[in-house]
Amino acid sequence: MSDLSDPPVDADSPDSVVGVEGTDHITIEGTSVEDTVEFYRDILGMPLVLRQPNLDRSELTHLYFDTGDGRLLTAFVSDERESTDDPEPDRGDVHHVAYRIDHRRVGEIREGLREAGYPADEYDRGAFHALYTEDNNGLTVELVADKFAIPDDRRGEVLARAHARRVDDGAEFVASKHMRAALDDLGIDAEERDIGTAAAGRDYGG
């Protein structure tokens, strides 16, 4: 067994107990139905595909939103709850949730969020481009525009190879050049998208 204090970074499937096959859904503790639907359906554009009583906590309603690829975000909500703008995540809590967006619409989405009264901070994250906003309860929501059109089934492989390139380069974090090198190493012909430039934003969100 490898040293878990310094685990290897690679895209090989580990010898594990379960062996998950992908994300099915992520569930957040929401507040009112109205506020939750307004943000996730009307601002982010996720269809509300299922609404039913919570099967474990009868005082709550369970909302299911389609995030765009068949994976779901669900929310436990109650009209007895009021939205808050100051969550304080602790260890083990969700820090933020990220969704993909159309790389051609980054500027339009950024301005649309601001016009709707939501924050929109733009950063270059090296491996991808990102906008950061907050939902009706102050949960950080990251909107990711991929810089390269990498096939989903090769994404982990490319990131692991970019990590190796970063380490070889002595760089603190992955940059576009490491992604390009990784794609070349793996023989993947992935279009590089013109998204524009932005600050690295290293300290966003604490």
C-alpha atoms as a PDB file:
ATOM      1  CA  MET A   1       0.000   0.000   0.000  1.00  0.00           C
ATOM      2  CA  SER A   2       1.289   3.473  -0.877  1.00  0.00           C
ATOM      3  CA  ASP A   3       2.063   6.147   1.677  1.00  0.00           C
ATOM      4  CA  LEU A   4      -1.296   7.913   2.125  1.00  0.00           C
ATOM      5  CA  SER A   5       0.457  11.042   3.369  1.00  0.00           C
ATOM      6  CA  ASP A   6       1.976  11.438  -0.102  1.00  0.00           C
ATOM      7  CA  PRO A   7      -0.391   9.628  -2.488  1.00  0.00           C
ATOM      8  CA  PRO A   8       0.559   9.144  -6.143  1.00  0.00           C
ATOM      9  CA  VAL A   9      -1.314  11.174  -8.747  1.00  0.00           C
ATOM     10  CA  ASP A  10      -2.395   9.155 -11.771  1.00  0.00           C
ATOM     11  CA  ALA A  11      -5.517   8.164 -13.709  1.00  0.00           C
ATOM     12  CA  ASP A  12      -5.318   4.418 -13.092  1.00  0.00           C
ATOM     13  CA  SER A  13      -8.354   2.862 -11.394  1.00  0.00           C
ATOM     14  CA  PRO A  14      -7.334   1.914  -7.853  1.00  0.00           C
ATOM     15  CA  ASP A  15      -8.001  -1.442  -6.219  1.00  0.00           C
ATOM     16  CA  SER A  16     -10.948  -0.266  -4.125  1.00  0.00           C
ATOM     17  CA  VAL A  17     -13.915  -1.637  -2.214  1.00  0.00           C
ATOM     18  CA  VAL A  18     -16.630   0.057  -4.310  1.00  0.00           C
ATOM     19  CA  GLY A  19     -15.401   1.402  -7.645  1.00  0.00           C
ATOM     20  CA  VAL A  20     -17.880   4.190  -8.417  1.00  0.00           C
ATOM     21  CA  GLU A  21     -18.958   4.760 -12.030  1.00  0.00           C
ATOM     22  CA  GLY A  22     -19.677   8.497 -11.911  1.00  0.00           C
ATOM     23  CA  THR A  23     -21.587  11.150 -10.008  1.00  0.00           C
ATOM     24  CA  ASP A  24     -25.329  10.524  -9.737  1.00  0.00           C
ATOM     25  CA  HIS A  25     -26.390  13.537  -7.671  1.00  0.00           C
ATOM     26  CA  ILE A  26     -25.216  16.022  -5.080  1.00  0.00           C
ATOM     27  CA  THR A  27     -27.627  17.199  -2.392  1.00  0.00           C
ATOM     28  CA  ILE A  28     -27.544  20.534  -0.583  1.00  0.00           C
ATOM     29  CA  GLU A  29     -29.496  21.823   2.388  1.00  0.00           C
ATOM     30  CA  GLY A  30     -31.658  24.515   0.806  1.00  0.00           C
ATOM     31  CA  THR A  31     -34.064  27.045   2.231  1.00  0.00           C
ATOM     32  CA  SER A  32     -37.398  28.050   0.701  1.00  0.00           C
ATOM     33  CA  VAL A  33     -38.793  26.471  -2.468  1.00  0.00           C
ATOM     34  CA  GLU A  34     -39.149  29.898  -4.095  1.00  0.00           C
ATOM     35  CA  ASP A  35     -35.572  31.077  -3.477  1.00  0.00           C
ATOM     36  CA  THR A  36     -34.030  27.736  -4.421  1.00  0.00           C
ATOM     37  CA  VAL A  37     -35.996  27.427  -7.662  1.00  0.00           C
ATOM     38  CA  GLU A  38     -35.264  31.039  -8.574  1.00  0.00           C
ATOM     39  CA  PHE A  39     -31.504  30.506  -8.406  1.00  0.00           C
ATOM     40  CA  TYR A  40     -31.041  26.986  -9.732  1.00  0.00           C
ATOM     41  CA  ARG A  41     -33.793  27.032 -12.387  1.00  0.00           C
ATOM     42  CA  ASP A  42     -34.163  30.676 -13.392  1.00  0.00           C
ATOM     43  CA  ILE A  43     -30.558  31.864 -12.973  1.00  0.00           C
ATOM     44  CA  LEU A  44     -28.451  28.739 -13.683  1.00  0.00           C
ATOM     45  CA  GLY A  45     -30.972  27.234 -16.096  1.00  0.00           C
ATOM     46  CA  MET A  46     -31.431  23.787 -14.523  1.00  0.00           C
ATOM     47  CA  PRO A  47     -34.859  22.230 -15.215  1.00  0.00           C
ATOM     48  CA  LEU A  48     -36.754  21.184 -12.089  1.00  0.00           C
ATOM     49  CA  VAL A  49     -37.423  17.532 -12.966  1.00  0.00           C
ATOM     50  CA  LEU A  50     -38.803  16.084  -9.722  1.00  0.00           C
ATOM     51  CA  ARG A  51     -40.452  17.418  -6.576  1.00  0.00           C
ATOM     52  CA  GLN A  52     -41.612  15.197  -3.746  1.00  0.00           C
ATOM     53  CA  PRO A  53     -41.627  14.908   0.051  1.00  0.00           C
ATOM     54  CA  ASN A  54     -38.296  14.086   1.614  1.00  0.00           C
ATOM     55  CA  LEU A  55     -38.419  10.345   2.330  1.00  0.00           C
ATOM     56  CA  ASP A  56     -36.365  10.600   5.526  1.00  0.00           C
ATOM     57  CA  ARG A  57     -37.353  14.005   6.919  1.00  0.00           C
ATOM     58  CA  SER A  58     -41.070  14.498   6.353  1.00  0.00           C
ATOM     59  CA  GLU A  59     -41.004  18.204   7.214  1.00  0.00           C
ATOM     60  CA  LEU A  60     -38.866  18.896   4.109  1.00  0.00           C
ATOM     61  CA  THR A  61     -39.497  18.873   0.361  1.00  0.00           C
ATOM     62  CA  HIS A  62     -36.943  17.306  -1.991  1.00  0.00           C
ATOM     63  CA  LEU A  63     -36.264  19.144  -5.277  1.00  0.00           C
ATOM     64  CA  TYR A  64     -34.325  17.545  -8.139  1.00  0.00           C
ATOM     65  CA  PHE A  65     -32.645  19.699 -10.821  1.00  0.00           C
ATOM     66  CA  ASP A  66     -31.049  18.387 -14.024  1.00  0.00           C
ATOM     67  CA  THR A  67     -27.565  19.919 -14.281  1.00  0.00           C
ATOM     68  CA  GLY A  68     -27.445  19.408 -18.041  1.00  0.00           C
ATOM     69  CA  ASP A  69     -25.830  16.010 -18.555  1.00  0.00           C
ATOM     70  CA  GLY A  70     -28.292  13.780 -16.736  1.00  0.00           C
ATOM     71  CA  ARG A  71     -26.530  14.250 -13.402  1.00  0.00           C
ATOM     72  CA  LEU A  72     -28.623  15.854 -10.720  1.00  0.00           C
ATOM     73  CA  LEU A  73     -28.409  18.488  -8.021  1.00  0.00           C
ATOM     74  CA  THR A  74     -31.016  18.020  -5.323  1.00  0.00           C
ATOM     75  CA  ALA A  75     -32.041  20.303  -2.488  1.00  0.00           C
ATOM     76  CA  PHE A  76     -33.823  19.772   0.812  1.00  0.00           C
ATOM     77  CA  VAL A  77     -36.129  22.780   1.178  1.00  0.00           C
ATOM     78  CA  SER A  78     -38.843  24.168   3.426  1.00  0.00           C
ATOM     79  CA  ASP A  79     -40.799  27.393   3.345  1.00  0.00           C
ATOM     80  CA  GLU A  80     -40.132  27.581   7.084  1.00  0.00           C
ATOM     81  CA  ARG A  81     -36.488  28.340   6.250  1.00  0.00           C
ATOM     82  CA  GLU A  82     -35.198  31.765   5.294  1.00  0.00           C
ATOM     83  CA  SER A  83     -32.263  32.236   2.923  1.00  0.00           C
ATOM     84  CA  THR A  84     -28.964  33.341   4.411  1.00  0.00           C
ATOM     85  CA  ASP A  85     -25.960  34.949   2.747  1.00  0.00           C
ATOM     86  CA  ASP A  86     -23.298  33.930   5.239  1.00  0.00           C
ATOM     87  CA  PRO A  87     -22.665  30.176   5.399  1.00  0.00           C
ATOM     88  CA  GLU A  88     -19.646  29.045   7.371  1.00  0.00           C
ATOM     89  CA  PRO A  89     -18.537  25.624   6.041  1.00  0.00           C
ATOM     90  CA  ASP A  90     -16.717  23.434   8.515  1.00  0.00           C
ATOM     91  CA  ARG A  91     -14.507  20.408   7.901  1.00  0.00           C
ATOM     92  CA  GLY A  92     -16.525  17.789   6.049  1.00  0.00           C
ATOM     93  CA  ASP A  93     -18.982  20.357   4.647  1.00  0.00           C
ATOM     94  CA  VAL A  94     -19.304  21.225   0.959  1.00  0.00           C
ATOM     95  CA  HIS A  95     -17.115  24.228   0.106  1.00  0.00           C
ATOM     96  CA  HIS A  96     -18.439  24.804  -3.414  1.00  0.00           C
ATOM     97  CA  VAL A  97     -20.155  23.083  -6.322  1.00  0.00           C
ATOM     98  CA  ALA A  98     -18.970  23.495  -9.925  1.00  0.00           C
ATOM     99  CA  TYR A  99     -20.916  23.254 -13.175  1.00  0.00           C
ATOM    100  CA  ARG A 100     -19.821  23.472 -16.793  1.00  0.00           C
ATOM    101  CA  ILE A 101     -20.793  26.386 -19.021  1.00  0.00           C
ATOM    102  CA  ASP A 102     -20.427  27.180 -22.724  1.00  0.00           C
ATOM    103  CA  HIS A 103     -16.961  28.709 -23.185  1.00  0.00           C
ATOM    104  CA  ARG A 104     -18.366  31.062 -25.843  1.00  0.00           C
ATOM    105  CA  ARG A 105     -20.732  32.673 -23.330  1.00  0.00           C
ATOM    106  CA  VAL A 106     -18.390  33.489 -20.429  1.00  0.00           C
ATOM    107  CA  GLY A 107     -18.694  37.269 -20.824  1.00  0.00           C
ATOM    108  CA  GLU A 108     -22.446  37.128 -21.403  1.00  0.00           C
ATOM    109  CA  ILE A 109     -22.980  34.915 -18.354  1.00  0.00           C
ATOM    110  CA  ARG A 110     -20.755  37.111 -16.176  1.00  0.00           C
ATOM    111  CA  GLU A 111     -22.726  40.236 -17.052  1.00  0.00           C
ATOM    112  CA  GLY A 112     -26.068  38.440 -16.787  1.00  0.00           C
ATOM    113  CA  LEU A 113     -25.296  37.318 -13.237  1.00  0.00           C
ATOM    114  CA  ARG A 114     -24.340  40.837 -12.234  1.00  0.00           C
ATOM    115  CA  GLU A 115     -27.469  42.310 -13.789  1.00  0.00           C
ATOM    116  CA  ALA A 116     -29.554  39.773 -11.851  1.00  0.00           C
ATOM    117  CA  GLY A 117     -27.890  40.899  -8.610  1.00  0.00           C
ATOM    118  CA  TYR A 118     -25.470  38.010  -8.140  1.00  0.00           C
ATOM    119  CA  PRO A 119     -21.668  38.336  -7.824  1.00  0.00           C
ATOM    120  CA  ALA A 120     -19.536  37.159 -10.750  1.00  0.00           C
ATOM    121  CA  ASP A 121     -15.765  36.941 -10.301  1.00  0.00           C
ATOM    122  CA  GLU A 122     -13.688  35.643 -13.217  1.00  0.00           C
ATOM    123  CA  TYR A 123     -10.425  33.722 -12.883  1.00  0.00           C
ATOM    124  CA  ASP A 124      -7.978  31.696 -14.928  1.00  0.00           C
ATOM    125  CA  ARG A 125      -7.498  28.414 -13.066  1.00  0.00           C
ATOM    126  CA  GLY A 126      -4.796  27.079 -15.349  1.00  0.00           C
ATOM    127  CA  ALA A 127      -6.537  23.873 -16.390  1.00  0.00           C
ATOM    128  CA  PHE A 128      -9.779  25.780 -17.048  1.00  0.00           C
ATOM    129  CA  HIS A 129     -11.454  29.198 -16.869  1.00  0.00           C
ATOM    130  CA  ALA A 130     -13.986  29.930 -14.126  1.00  0.00           C
ATOM    131  CA  LEU A 131     -16.673  32.307 -12.951  1.00  0.00           C
ATOM    132  CA  TYR A 132     -17.589  32.331  -9.264  1.00  0.00           C
ATOM    133  CA  THR A 133     -20.972  33.347  -7.915  1.00  0.00           C
ATOM    134  CA  GLU A 134     -23.130  32.480  -4.897  1.00  0.00           C
ATOM    135  CA  ASP A 135     -26.550  30.881  -4.568  1.00  0.00           C
ATOM    136  CA  ASN A 136     -29.391  32.285  -2.465  1.00  0.00           C
ATOM    137  CA  ASN A 137     -27.706  30.971   0.695  1.00  0.00           C
ATOM    138  CA  GLY A 138     -24.187  32.155  -0.002  1.00  0.00           C
ATOM    139  CA  LEU A 139     -22.934  28.736  -1.187  1.00  0.00           C
ATOM    140  CA  THR A 140     -20.076  29.310  -3.638  1.00  0.00           C
ATOM    141  CA  VAL A 141     -20.997  28.144  -7.140  1.00  0.00           C
ATOM    142  CA  GLU A 142     -18.219  27.782  -9.699  1.00  0.00           C
ATOM    143  CA  LEU A 143     -19.029  27.908 -13.411  1.00  0.00           C
ATOM    144  CA  VAL A 144     -16.316  26.179 -15.424  1.00  0.00           C
ATOM    145  CA  ALA A 145     -15.422  26.848 -19.051  1.00  0.00           C
ATOM    146  CA  ASP A 146     -12.972  24.238 -20.285  1.00  0.00           C
ATOM    147  CA  LYS A 147      -9.993  25.673 -22.165  1.00  0.00           C
ATOM    148  CA  PHE A 148      -9.581  22.473 -24.167  1.00  0.00           C
ATOM    149  CA  ALA A 149     -12.210  20.238 -25.774  1.00  0.00           C
ATOM    150  CA  ILE A 150     -11.049  17.108 -23.958  1.00  0.00           C
ATOM    151  CA  PRO A 151     -13.224  13.986 -24.285  1.00  0.00           C
ATOM    152  CA  ASP A 152     -14.861  13.235 -20.938  1.00  0.00           C
ATOM    153  CA  ASP A 153     -13.392   9.735 -20.795  1.00  0.00           C
ATOM    154  CA  ARG A 154      -9.841  11.131 -21.093  1.00  0.00           C
ATOM    155  CA  ARG A 155     -10.198  14.079 -18.717  1.00  0.00           C
ATOM    156  CA  GLY A 156      -8.685  12.426 -15.647  1.00  0.00           C
ATOM    157  CA  GLU A 157      -5.826  11.055 -17.714  1.00  0.00           C
ATOM    158  CA  VAL A 158      -5.026  14.518 -19.093  1.00  0.00           C
ATOM    159  CA  LEU A 159      -5.136  16.152 -15.656  1.00  0.00           C
ATOM    160  CA  ALA A 160      -2.866  13.490 -14.156  1.00  0.00           C
ATOM    161  CA  ARG A 161      -0.375  13.981 -16.991  1.00  0.00           C
ATOM    162  CA  ALA A 162      -0.590  17.788 -16.629  1.00  0.00           C
ATOM    163  CA  HIS A 163       0.178  17.326 -12.937  1.00  0.00           C
ATOM    164  CA  ALA A 164       3.337  15.390 -13.823  1.00  0.00           C
ATOM    165  CA  ARG A 165       4.350  18.147 -16.233  1.00  0.00           C
ATOM    166  CA  ARG A 166       3.751  20.764 -13.519  1.00  0.00           C
ATOM    167  CA  VAL A 167       5.933  18.872 -11.045  1.00  0.00           C
ATOM    168  CA  ASP A 168       8.691  18.456 -13.642  1.00  0.00           C
ATOM    169  CA  ASP A 169       8.465  22.185 -14.336  1.00  0.00           C
ATOM    170  CA  GLY A 170       8.685  23.096 -10.643  1.00  0.00           C
ATOM    171  CA  ALA A 171       5.487  25.130 -10.989  1.00  0.00           C
ATOM    172  CA  GLU A 172       3.100  25.777  -8.112  1.00  0.00           C
ATOM    173  CA  PHE A 173      -0.042  24.990 -10.097  1.00  0.00           C
ATOM    174  CA  VAL A 174      -1.091  23.652 -13.497  1.00  0.00           C
ATOM    175  CA  ALA A 175      -1.033  26.201 -16.322  1.00  0.00           C
ATOM    176  CA  SER A 176      -2.248  26.062 -19.911  1.00  0.00           C
ATOM    177  CA  LYS A 177       1.226  25.061 -21.091  1.00  0.00           C
ATOM    178  CA  HIS A 178       1.095  21.954 -18.909  1.00  0.00           C
ATOM    179  CA  MET A 179      -2.291  21.045 -20.358  1.00  0.00           C
ATOM    180  CA  ARG A 180      -0.960  21.456 -23.900  1.00  0.00           C
ATOM    181  CA  ALA A 181       2.069  19.305 -23.081  1.00  0.00           C
ATOM    182  CA  ALA A 182      -0.131  16.618 -21.516  1.00  0.00           C
ATOM    183  CA  LEU A 183      -2.348  16.485 -24.591  1.00  0.00           C
ATOM    184  CA  ASP A 184       0.707  16.166 -26.806  1.00  0.00           C
ATOM    185  CA  ASP A 185       2.148  13.421 -24.577  1.00  0.00           C
ATOM    186  CA  LEU A 186      -1.090  11.453 -24.809  1.00  0.00           C
ATOM    187  CA  GLY A 187      -1.622  12.055 -28.515  1.00  0.00           C
ATOM    188  CA  ILE A 188      -4.997  13.740 -27.957  1.00  0.00           C
ATOM    189  CA  ASP A 189      -6.027  16.300 -30.568  1.00  0.00           C
ATOM    190  CA  ALA A 190      -8.184  18.647 -28.463  1.00  0.00           C
ATOM    191  CA  GLU A 191      -9.173  22.098 -29.705  1.00  0.00           C
ATOM    192  CA  GLU A 192      -7.831  24.941 -27.564  1.00  0.00           C
ATOM    193  CA  ARG A 193     -10.597  27.458 -26.966  1.00  0.00           C
ATOM    194  CA  ASP A 194     -10.179  31.223 -26.987  1.00  0.00           C
ATOM    195  CA  ILE A 195     -11.793  32.336 -23.748  1.00  0.00           C
ATOM    196  CA  GLY A 196      -9.684  35.374 -22.913  1.00  0.00           C
ATOM    197  CA  THR A 197      -7.475  36.221 -19.993  1.00  0.00           C
ATOM    198  CA  ALA A 198      -8.143  36.700 -16.295  1.00  0.00           C
ATOM    199  CA  ALA A 199      -6.232  36.847 -13.026  1.00  0.00           C
ATOM    200  CA  ALA A 200      -5.313  33.583 -11.292  1.00  0.00           C
ATOM    201  CA  GLY A 201      -7.350  34.620  -8.239  1.00  0.00           C
ATOM    202  CA  ARG A 202      -5.328  32.368  -5.984  1.00  0.00           C
ATOM    203  CA  ASP A 203      -7.044  33.284  -2.726  1.00  0.00           C
ATOM    204  CA  TYR A 204     -10.688  33.373  -3.835  1.00  0.00           C
ATOM    205  CA  GLY A 205     -13.074  31.899  -1.302  1.00  0.00           C
ATOM    206  CA  GLY A 206     -10.450  31.422   1.386  1.00  0.00           C
END
